[in-house]
Protein backbone atom coordinates (compact mmCIF):
# COMPACT_ATOMS: atom_id res chain seq x y z
CA MET A 1 -9.37 167.64 137.92
CA SER A 2 -7.02 165.08 136.41
CA TYR A 3 -3.40 164.82 135.43
CA TYR A 4 -0.93 162.30 134.06
CA GLU A 5 2.26 160.88 135.50
CA TYR A 6 4.87 158.84 133.69
CA PRO A 7 6.05 155.59 135.31
CA SER A 8 9.64 154.38 135.20
CA GLY A 9 11.55 154.40 131.97
CA THR A 10 10.00 157.59 130.53
CA GLY A 11 12.46 160.25 131.65
CA ASN A 12 11.76 163.11 134.05
CA VAL A 13 8.38 162.98 135.73
CA PRO A 14 6.29 165.55 137.59
CA VAL A 15 5.99 165.32 141.33
CA TYR A 16 2.60 165.09 142.99
CA ASP A 17 2.11 165.31 146.74
CA ASN A 18 -0.66 162.84 147.49
CA ASN A 19 -3.34 164.47 149.67
CA PHE A 20 -5.01 161.20 150.54
CA SER A 21 -2.14 159.25 152.04
CA ASN A 22 1.17 159.71 153.79
CA ARG A 23 2.54 156.52 152.27
CA ARG A 24 5.13 156.50 149.51
CA SER A 25 2.66 155.15 146.95
CA ILE A 26 0.19 156.55 144.45
CA LEU A 27 -3.55 156.37 143.94
CA VAL A 28 -4.84 154.71 140.80
CA GLU A 29 -8.36 153.97 139.77
CA PRO A 30 -9.33 150.29 139.64
CA ASN A 31 -10.61 148.85 136.37
CA HIS A 32 -9.60 151.99 134.51
CA ASN A 33 -8.51 152.03 130.89
CA TYR A 34 -5.29 154.00 131.11
CA PRO A 35 -3.99 156.07 128.18
CA PRO A 36 -1.33 154.57 125.92
CA ASN A 37 2.44 155.05 126.19
CA ASN A 38 2.44 153.87 129.81
CA HIS A 39 0.80 157.09 131.03
CA VAL A 40 -0.97 156.70 134.35
CA HIS A 41 -4.13 158.70 134.98
CA TYR A 42 -5.25 160.04 138.34
CA ASP A 43 -8.57 161.57 139.26
CA ILE A 44 -8.28 163.27 142.63
CA HIS A 45 -12.01 164.02 142.72
CA GLN A 46 -12.79 160.33 143.25
CA PRO A 47 -10.48 159.03 145.97
CA GLN A 48 -13.13 156.64 147.20
CA ASN A 49 -12.79 154.62 144.02
CA ALA A 50 -9.01 154.42 144.25
CA HIS A 51 -6.64 151.94 145.76
CA TYR A 52 -2.94 151.85 146.54
CA ALA A 53 -0.62 150.72 143.81
CA ASN A 54 2.55 148.83 144.43
CA GLU A 55 5.33 151.24 145.25
CA LYS A 56 7.84 149.26 143.20
CA GLU A 57 5.73 149.74 140.09
CA ASN A 58 5.70 153.53 140.41
CA VAL A 59 9.26 154.67 140.60
CA GLY A 60 8.31 158.06 139.26
CA PHE A 61 6.59 159.15 142.49
CA GLN A 62 8.58 161.14 145.04
CA HIS A 63 7.45 162.05 148.51
CA ASP A 64 9.98 164.69 149.47
CA VAL A 65 12.10 166.89 147.24
CA GLU A 66 12.62 166.48 143.51
CA ALA A 67 16.26 165.74 142.67
CA PRO A 68 18.01 165.97 139.28
CA ARG A 69 17.37 162.91 137.15
CA LYS A 70 18.94 161.18 134.19
CA ASN A 71 17.14 158.21 132.67
CA ASN A 72 14.73 158.41 135.61
CA LYS A 73 17.58 157.88 138.11
CA ILE A 74 18.43 160.38 140.78
CA ILE A 75 21.84 161.88 140.04
CA SER A 76 22.50 163.38 143.47
CA LYS A 77 20.71 163.53 146.79
CA SER A 78 23.27 165.77 148.45
CA PRO A 79 20.95 168.79 149.01
CA VAL A 80 18.29 166.52 150.49
CA LYS A 81 20.77 164.71 152.73
CA TRP A 82 22.42 167.93 153.89
CA TYR A 83 18.99 169.14 154.93
CA ARG A 84 18.24 165.84 156.66
CA ASN A 85 21.60 165.84 158.45
CA THR A 86 21.16 169.40 159.70
CA ARG A 87 17.61 168.75 160.80
CA ALA A 88 18.67 165.50 162.48
CA VAL A 89 21.30 167.29 164.56
CA LEU A 90 18.82 169.91 165.73
CA GLN A 91 16.13 167.34 166.54
CA MET A 92 18.66 165.12 168.28
CA PHE A 93 19.59 167.82 170.79
CA LYS A 94 15.96 168.82 171.17
CA SER A 95 14.60 165.32 171.84
CA ASN A 96 17.62 164.18 173.86
CA PHE A 97 17.53 166.96 176.41
CA LEU A 98 19.23 164.64 178.91
CA LEU A 99 22.48 165.41 177.09
CA ILE A 100 22.77 168.40 179.41
CA PHE A 101 23.85 165.93 182.11
CA LEU A 102 26.88 164.77 180.10
CA PRO A 103 29.30 167.66 180.86
CA PRO A 104 28.62 167.77 184.62
CA ALA A 105 28.73 163.96 184.81
CA ILE A 106 32.29 164.03 183.48
CA ILE A 107 33.45 167.14 185.33
CA MET A 108 32.05 166.24 188.77
CA LYS A 109 34.36 163.25 189.06
CA ARG A 110 37.36 165.60 189.13
CA PHE A 111 35.87 167.74 191.91
CA GLY A 112 35.13 164.90 194.31
CA VAL A 113 31.34 165.18 194.23
CA ASN A 114 29.32 162.64 196.22
CA GLU A 115 29.49 159.25 194.50
CA SER A 116 25.74 158.68 194.70
CA ILE A 117 25.06 161.93 192.83
CA LEU A 118 27.75 160.95 190.33
CA PHE A 119 26.00 157.63 189.75
CA PHE A 120 22.67 159.20 188.84
CA PHE A 121 24.22 161.92 186.67
CA ASN A 122 26.14 159.36 184.63
CA PHE A 123 23.06 157.18 184.35
CA LEU A 124 21.05 160.09 182.95
CA ALA A 125 23.87 160.95 180.55
CA ILE A 126 24.01 157.39 179.18
CA VAL A 127 20.30 157.41 178.23
CA PRO A 128 20.49 159.86 175.28
CA MET A 129 23.87 158.58 174.11
CA ALA A 130 22.51 155.05 173.84
CA LYS A 131 19.66 156.42 171.75
CA ILE A 132 22.09 158.32 169.48
CA LEU A 133 24.18 155.17 169.06
CA SER A 134 21.05 153.29 167.99
CA VAL A 135 20.24 155.98 165.40
CA GLY A 136 23.74 155.83 163.92
CA ILE A 137 23.80 152.03 163.81
CA ASN A 138 20.34 151.88 162.22
CA ASP A 139 21.36 154.22 159.42
CA LEU A 140 24.73 152.57 158.89
CA SER A 141 23.21 149.08 158.71
CA ALA A 142 20.89 150.25 155.92
CA ARG A 143 23.99 150.47 153.71
CA LEU A 144 25.09 146.91 154.46
CA HIS A 145 23.97 143.38 153.75
CA PRO A 146 21.26 142.21 156.20
CA SER A 147 23.70 139.71 157.74
CA TYR A 148 26.20 142.43 158.63
CA GLY A 149 23.35 144.69 159.70
CA ALA A 150 22.16 142.06 162.16
CA VAL A 151 25.63 141.87 163.69
CA LEU A 152 25.75 145.66 164.03
CA HIS A 153 22.36 145.72 165.73
CA ALA A 154 23.45 143.01 168.14
CA PHE A 155 26.49 145.16 168.96
CA ALA A 156 24.49 148.37 169.41
CA GLY A 157 21.67 146.73 171.34
CA ASN A 158 24.01 145.31 173.97
CA PHE A 159 26.90 147.78 173.97
CA VAL A 160 26.02 149.56 177.22
CA GLU A 161 25.41 146.25 179.00
CA LEU A 162 28.74 144.96 177.72
CA VAL A 163 30.71 148.07 178.71
CA ILE A 164 29.25 148.37 182.22
CA SER A 165 29.68 144.65 182.89
CA SER A 166 33.25 144.74 181.55
CA TYR A 167 34.21 147.57 183.92
CA ALA A 168 32.62 145.70 186.82
CA LEU A 169 34.55 142.61 185.74
CA MET A 170 37.84 144.51 185.77
CA ASP A 171 37.00 145.70 189.30
CA LYS A 172 36.52 142.03 190.30
CA GLN A 173 32.83 142.53 191.11
CA TYR A 174 31.95 139.07 189.81
CA ALA A 175 28.66 138.73 191.68
CA ILE A 176 27.38 142.00 190.21
CA VAL A 177 28.39 140.94 186.69
CA ARG A 178 26.56 137.62 186.98
CA SER A 179 23.50 139.26 188.46
CA SER A 180 23.43 142.02 185.84
CA VAL A 181 23.31 139.70 182.82
CA LEU A 182 20.69 137.59 184.57
CA GLY A 183 18.72 140.66 185.58
CA ALA A 184 18.81 142.05 182.04
CA ASN A 185 17.16 138.87 180.81
CA LEU A 186 14.52 138.96 183.54
CA CYS A 187 13.83 142.63 182.84
CA ASN A 188 13.21 141.79 179.17
CA ILE A 189 11.09 138.68 179.46
CA LEU A 190 9.07 139.74 182.50
CA LEU A 191 8.88 143.53 182.84
CA ILE A 192 9.16 144.68 179.21
CA LEU A 193 7.19 141.74 177.82
CA GLY A 194 4.49 142.39 180.41
CA VAL A 195 4.25 146.03 179.34
CA VAL A 196 4.03 144.86 175.71
CA PHE A 197 1.11 142.56 176.55
CA LEU A 198 -0.61 145.39 178.41
CA ALA A 199 -0.08 147.90 175.61
CA GLY A 200 -1.28 145.50 172.95
CA SER A 201 -4.27 143.97 174.70
CA TRP A 202 -5.64 146.62 177.04
CA PRO A 203 -9.40 147.00 176.39
CA ARG A 204 -10.14 150.04 174.27
CA LYS A 205 -12.63 151.09 171.67
CA GLY A 206 -12.45 148.86 168.64
CA ALA A 207 -9.86 146.60 170.25
CA ARG A 208 -9.70 142.88 169.71
CA ARG A 209 -7.90 140.04 171.44
CA GLN A 210 -4.43 140.03 169.99
CA SER A 211 -3.14 137.01 168.10
CA MET A 212 0.61 136.57 167.81
CA ASN A 213 0.30 133.96 165.06
CA ALA A 214 -1.37 136.33 162.65
CA HIS A 215 1.79 136.04 160.51
CA LEU A 216 3.30 132.58 160.26
CA SER A 217 6.78 133.96 159.57
CA THR A 218 6.69 136.02 162.74
CA GLN A 219 5.34 133.09 164.74
CA LEU A 220 8.31 131.00 163.60
CA PHE A 221 10.62 133.83 164.67
CA VAL A 222 8.97 133.93 168.12
CA SER A 223 9.03 130.16 168.62
CA THR A 224 12.67 129.93 167.51
CA SER A 225 13.72 132.69 169.92
CA ALA A 226 11.76 131.11 172.79
CA SER A 227 13.27 127.65 172.27
CA THR A 228 16.77 129.10 171.91
CA LEU A 229 16.29 131.04 175.14
CA ALA A 230 15.33 127.80 176.91
CA LEU A 231 18.53 126.18 175.63
CA ALA A 232 20.55 129.15 176.88
CA VAL A 233 19.02 128.79 180.34
CA LEU A 234 20.03 125.13 180.42
CA ALA A 235 23.59 126.07 179.52
CA LEU A 236 23.76 128.88 182.09
CA VAL A 237 22.46 126.86 185.05
CA THR A 238 24.51 123.73 184.36
CA PRO A 239 27.77 125.03 185.93
CA ALA A 240 25.91 126.16 189.04
CA ALA A 241 24.13 122.81 189.26
CA PHE A 242 27.52 121.10 188.95
CA LYS A 243 28.82 123.02 191.97
CA ILE A 244 25.74 122.20 194.02
CA ALA A 245 25.84 118.50 193.17
CA ALA A 246 29.60 117.89 193.31
CA PRO A 247 31.23 117.19 196.68
CA THR A 248 33.38 119.97 198.01
CA GLY A 249 37.01 119.58 196.98
CA THR A 250 40.16 121.62 197.01
CA ASN A 251 40.06 122.54 193.31
CA ILE A 252 36.33 122.41 192.61
CA GLU A 253 36.56 126.05 191.48
CA CYS A 254 38.98 125.07 188.72
CA ASP A 255 36.52 122.60 187.27
CA LEU A 256 33.82 125.25 187.51
CA GLN A 257 35.99 127.66 185.54
CA ASN A 258 36.68 125.06 182.86
CA ILE A 259 32.99 124.25 182.51
CA SER A 260 32.13 127.95 182.27
CA HIS A 261 34.74 128.56 179.56
CA ALA A 262 33.58 125.58 177.51
CA THR A 263 29.95 126.62 177.90
CA ALA A 264 30.74 130.16 176.75
CA ILE A 265 32.43 128.92 173.57
CA ILE A 266 29.54 126.57 172.82
CA LEU A 267 26.98 129.36 173.31
CA LEU A 268 28.81 131.53 170.77
CA PHE A 269 28.54 128.71 168.24
CA VAL A 270 24.84 128.43 169.04
CA TYR A 271 24.42 132.15 168.36
CA ALA A 272 26.27 131.80 165.06
CA GLY A 273 23.94 128.96 164.10
CA LEU A 274 20.93 131.07 165.02
CA LEU A 275 22.15 133.88 162.74
CA VAL A 276 22.59 131.43 159.86
CA PHE A 277 19.08 130.09 160.47
CA GLN A 278 17.44 133.51 160.57
CA LEU A 279 19.43 135.24 157.83
CA LYS A 280 20.29 132.43 155.42
CA THR A 281 18.47 129.11 155.42
CA HIS A 282 15.11 130.42 156.71
CA ALA A 283 15.41 134.09 155.81
CA ASN A 284 12.00 134.04 154.08
CA GLU A 285 10.28 132.45 157.07
CA THR A 286 11.87 134.35 159.94
CA VAL A 287 11.57 138.08 159.54
CA ASP A 288 13.41 140.87 161.28
CA ASN A 289 10.79 142.61 163.36
CA ASN A 290 12.33 146.03 163.07
CA GLU A 291 11.57 147.04 159.51
CA ALA A 292 13.44 150.29 159.95
CA HIS A 293 16.68 148.33 159.76
CA HIS A 294 16.10 147.63 156.08
CA GLY A 295 15.21 151.12 154.92
CA GLU A 296 17.26 153.56 152.93
CA ALA A 297 20.14 155.39 154.59
CA GLN A 298 18.98 158.88 155.55
CA TYR A 299 22.29 160.52 156.41
CA PHE A 300 25.82 160.81 155.11
CA LEU A 301 28.23 158.01 156.01
CA VAL A 302 30.50 160.52 157.76
CA PHE A 303 27.57 161.68 159.86
CA ASP A 304 26.73 158.08 160.83
CA LEU A 305 30.32 157.40 161.85
CA PHE A 306 30.43 160.63 163.85
CA LEU A 307 27.29 159.65 165.78
CA ILE A 308 28.66 156.18 166.50
CA VAL A 309 32.14 157.28 167.59
CA ALA A 310 30.87 160.19 169.70
CA SER A 311 28.21 158.11 171.47
CA ILE A 312 30.60 155.19 172.11
CA SER A 313 33.18 157.56 173.59
CA GLY A 314 30.65 159.20 175.88
CA ILE A 315 29.12 155.88 176.95
CA THR A 316 32.56 154.45 177.75
CA VAL A 317 33.51 157.37 180.01
CA CYS A 318 30.16 157.56 181.80
CA ALA A 319 29.99 153.79 182.25
CA ARG A 320 33.37 153.85 183.97
CA TYR A 321 32.26 156.53 186.42
CA LEU A 322 28.98 154.67 186.92
CA VAL A 323 30.72 151.45 187.94
CA THR A 324 33.20 153.15 190.27
CA SER A 325 30.31 154.74 192.18
CA ILE A 326 28.37 151.49 192.68
CA GLU A 327 30.14 150.50 195.89
CA HIS A 328 29.50 153.88 197.52
CA LEU A 329 25.87 153.76 196.39
CA ALA A 330 25.45 150.33 197.95
CA HIS A 331 26.83 151.51 201.29
CA SER A 332 24.82 154.74 201.28
CA PHE A 333 21.46 153.08 200.60
CA HIS A 334 22.26 149.70 202.19
CA LEU A 335 21.77 147.80 198.93
CA GLY A 336 23.08 144.30 198.32
CA ASN A 337 25.08 143.21 195.30
CA GLY A 338 22.22 141.00 194.18
CA PHE A 339 19.74 143.88 194.07
CA ILE A 340 22.20 146.20 192.33
CA GLY A 341 23.05 143.63 189.68
CA MET A 342 19.62 142.07 189.28
CA VAL A 343 17.40 145.16 189.39
CA LEU A 344 19.25 148.47 189.42
CA LEU A 345 21.85 147.95 186.68
CA PRO A 346 19.42 146.33 184.18
CA LEU A 347 17.19 149.38 184.56
CA CYS A 348 20.25 151.59 184.06
CA VAL A 349 21.37 149.62 181.02
CA VAL A 350 19.37 151.58 178.46
CA SER A 351 21.18 150.35 175.36
CA ASN A 352 17.97 148.57 174.40
CA PHE A 353 15.82 151.63 175.15
CA MET A 354 14.92 152.19 171.49
CA GLU A 355 14.12 148.52 170.96
CA HIS A 356 11.89 148.51 174.04
CA TYR A 357 10.17 151.66 172.85
CA ASP A 358 9.67 150.20 169.37
CA ALA A 359 8.28 146.98 170.83
CA ILE A 360 5.76 148.78 173.04
CA LYS A 361 4.77 151.06 170.16
CA GLU A 362 4.23 148.09 167.83
CA ALA A 363 2.14 146.36 170.48
CA SER A 364 -0.08 149.43 170.86
CA GLU A 365 -0.58 149.34 167.08
CA ASP A 366 -1.92 145.76 167.14
CA LYS A 367 1.44 144.18 166.28
CA VAL A 368 1.97 142.11 169.41
CA ASP A 369 3.58 139.30 167.40
CA SER A 370 6.38 141.54 166.15
CA ALA A 371 6.87 143.10 169.59
CA VAL A 372 7.18 139.72 171.32
CA GLY A 373 9.68 138.54 168.73
CA LEU A 374 11.75 141.68 169.26
CA ILE A 375 11.83 141.25 173.06
CA LEU A 376 12.72 137.56 172.92
CA ASN A 377 15.44 138.19 170.35
CA THR A 378 17.00 140.79 172.68
CA SER A 379 17.03 138.28 175.54
CA VAL A 380 18.60 135.65 173.30
CA GLN A 381 21.40 138.07 172.39
CA ILE A 382 22.14 138.70 176.06
CA ALA A 383 22.24 134.98 176.85
CA LEU A 384 24.12 133.79 173.75
CA LEU A 385 26.36 136.77 173.02
CA VAL A 386 26.91 139.11 175.98
CA THR A 387 27.31 136.47 178.68
CA PRO A 388 29.81 134.27 176.78
CA VAL A 389 31.85 137.31 175.72
CA LEU A 390 32.13 138.44 179.35
CA VAL A 391 33.24 134.98 180.47
CA LEU A 392 35.90 134.81 177.75
CA VAL A 393 37.09 138.37 178.43
CA GLY A 394 37.51 137.42 182.08
CA TRP A 395 39.45 134.33 181.04
CA ILE A 396 41.82 136.35 178.86
CA THR A 397 42.36 139.11 181.44
CA SER A 398 42.80 136.74 184.43
CA ARG A 399 39.45 137.77 185.89
CA PRO A 400 37.88 134.34 186.46
CA LEU A 401 34.19 135.00 185.87
CA THR A 402 32.27 131.74 186.24
CA LEU A 403 28.63 130.91 185.64
CA ASP A 404 28.26 130.17 189.34
CA PHE A 405 24.74 131.49 189.87
CA ASN A 406 23.28 131.03 193.33
CA THR A 407 20.21 128.91 193.98
CA LEU A 408 17.79 131.86 194.01
CA GLU A 409 19.07 133.12 190.66
CA ILE A 410 18.74 129.68 189.10
CA CYS A 411 15.18 129.25 190.34
CA VAL A 412 13.87 132.64 189.19
CA LEU A 413 15.52 132.38 185.76
CA ALA A 414 14.23 128.87 185.09
CA CYS A 415 10.71 129.74 186.25
CA ALA A 416 10.63 132.98 184.25
CA VAL A 417 11.66 131.30 180.99
CA LEU A 418 9.20 128.46 181.63
CA ILE A 419 6.34 130.94 182.13
CA VAL A 420 7.22 132.96 179.03
CA ASN A 421 7.48 129.87 176.83
CA TYR A 422 4.07 128.75 178.08
CA LEU A 423 2.50 132.15 177.38
CA VAL A 424 3.81 132.52 173.83
CA ALA A 425 3.17 128.90 172.87
CA ASP A 426 -0.54 129.45 172.11
CA GLY A 427 0.23 132.52 169.99
CA LYS A 428 -2.14 134.79 171.94
CA ALA A 429 -1.82 137.44 174.59
CA ASN A 430 -4.10 139.45 176.85
CA TRP A 431 -3.62 142.23 179.36
CA LEU A 432 -3.98 139.90 182.38
CA GLU A 433 -0.97 137.86 181.26
CA GLY A 434 1.04 141.07 180.96
CA TYR A 435 -0.09 142.14 184.40
CA MET A 436 1.04 138.82 185.89
CA LEU A 437 4.46 139.10 184.22
CA ILE A 438 5.00 142.55 185.73
CA VAL A 439 3.91 141.34 189.17
CA SER A 440 6.33 138.40 188.86
CA TYR A 441 9.19 140.81 188.21
CA ILE A 442 8.23 142.91 191.24
CA ILE A 443 8.20 139.81 193.47
CA ILE A 444 11.69 138.87 192.28
CA ALA A 445 12.93 142.43 192.86
CA VAL A 446 11.62 142.39 196.44
CA ALA A 447 13.32 139.05 197.11
CA PHE A 448 16.68 140.33 195.88
CA PHE A 449 16.32 143.53 197.90
CA TYR A 450 16.55 141.43 201.06
CA PHE A 451 19.05 138.89 199.68
CA PRO A 452 22.40 139.10 201.54
CA ASN A 453 25.76 139.48 199.86
CA VAL A 454 27.55 136.22 199.05
CA PRO A 455 31.35 136.49 199.49
CA GLU A 456 33.55 135.49 196.58
CA VAL A 457 35.94 132.56 196.83
CA PRO A 458 39.38 134.04 197.67
CA GLY A 459 42.41 133.44 195.47
CA LEU A 460 40.57 132.84 192.19
CA GLU A 461 42.94 135.09 190.22
CA THR A 462 46.05 133.19 191.31
CA MET A 463 44.57 129.70 191.07
CA LYS A 464 46.32 127.48 188.49
CA CYS A 465 43.80 125.40 186.59
CA ASN A 466 44.47 122.76 183.96
CA PRO A 467 41.68 122.90 181.35
CA TRP A 468 42.54 119.45 179.96
CA SER A 469 42.14 117.37 183.11
CA ARG A 470 39.86 117.02 186.09
CA ASN A 471 41.03 119.07 189.05
CA LEU A 472 39.39 117.14 191.87
CA PRO A 473 41.60 115.83 194.70
CA PRO A 474 42.68 112.16 194.50
CA GLU A 475 40.15 110.91 197.06
CA LEU A 476 37.28 112.36 195.00
CA LEU A 477 38.67 110.94 191.75
CA GLY A 478 38.47 107.43 193.17
CA ILE A 479 42.26 107.08 193.59
CA GLY A 480 43.21 105.48 196.87
CA GLU A 481 46.37 105.79 198.84
CA GLY A 482 47.88 102.81 197.04
CA GLY A 483 48.00 104.59 193.69
CA GLU A 484 45.63 103.70 190.84
CA GLY A 485 43.35 101.47 192.78
CA GLY A 486 39.97 102.41 194.04
CA GLY A 487 41.06 102.21 197.69
CA SER A 488 41.12 99.32 200.14
CA HIS A 489 38.45 96.66 199.93
């Protein structure tokens, strides 16, 4: 049984549903003398002698529903998209069954329900809304230039983290904000990366030891993200190291604020440079690991905007209730601020749920290189985008958030990034390395469970700081009692 199909440029073409592949490509016979007039011949009785043709060379093939054509161009996809939109809505409610927690999570606040129950209900309600936001952003970015799409994905991937941390910042819970951004990074590079290594390298039938440098472009993406993350760690720990090394003075907190503000601005410039590197100058060498971002838009623009606006509204309300119930949760279960910020909130921040799921899925499909690049890129966005934005928002709103991490936080962050850079440097991964990363995260979580609360410095909001001069007292600036001299000799 044979038939003919007309490639592009020959008018309307018949549609053939390929029984041998689910890919959007066609089967052609190798070394076959095709008929004239650009007709392509298919013999479905001999699939073993066929190979896949380039999809771009066979515009006439359609996988779904035939649409009206003129000069081999689809005139309208409205019926197809209406069907996709309707099906998407039904599947969205079916797969995101946790949406049933959204109405009670909002209503219970008005009836004075126990704050601990309110915390968990709002957490469960945020999970599906973060997923819906990711779906809307993915489809909307397919309509835009890759540069704008990357910015949208950075926004969607860190929106929940940014909203929850912003509410905690407005409530002057500075220690929790610092711990949450640090904990989100540790959760990515230790827990999620460890699961990726396990999923990609666990011994199974036909498995092989995974190599992350199978694609040089992806290896460059991984190495760039790892080195940028190391730079971010240096920038984040420098203000804390300054406080530890500097002698105690009256206005040492002012200098710490100025250093934090300057560091935040510099980190934003670093992130802008990273985007230029990945999307402009080295776009052909550093690839975006999530290929779904570059596909064709599946839904109407109005439907995408509805998903984005609805999910953002729901996340904003639930995040507010989540933050207001943190203090009661801490008292009820005797949890410290360090454990809440370092462990509990990063696990609650599910804005990157879809990215984590995609990374683990890619690793299980022998694509550990892409999965590692995706995880490291998420951590880089938290360090170079979320953290600086929070510091600057605090500066603008008179909520002095500084990068004053305590000694334990500095040690675990530096060691974690050092270990991850060492593991990805050789371009290979195995399940034992993943197991050790997960164990490392558990050890850190146990340490912060017993870590006591550190009181904040009082009067930070009313402290007047001059960003253009050093704020140390005269005796620490080397100015003696006599004026400009260095003191008595």
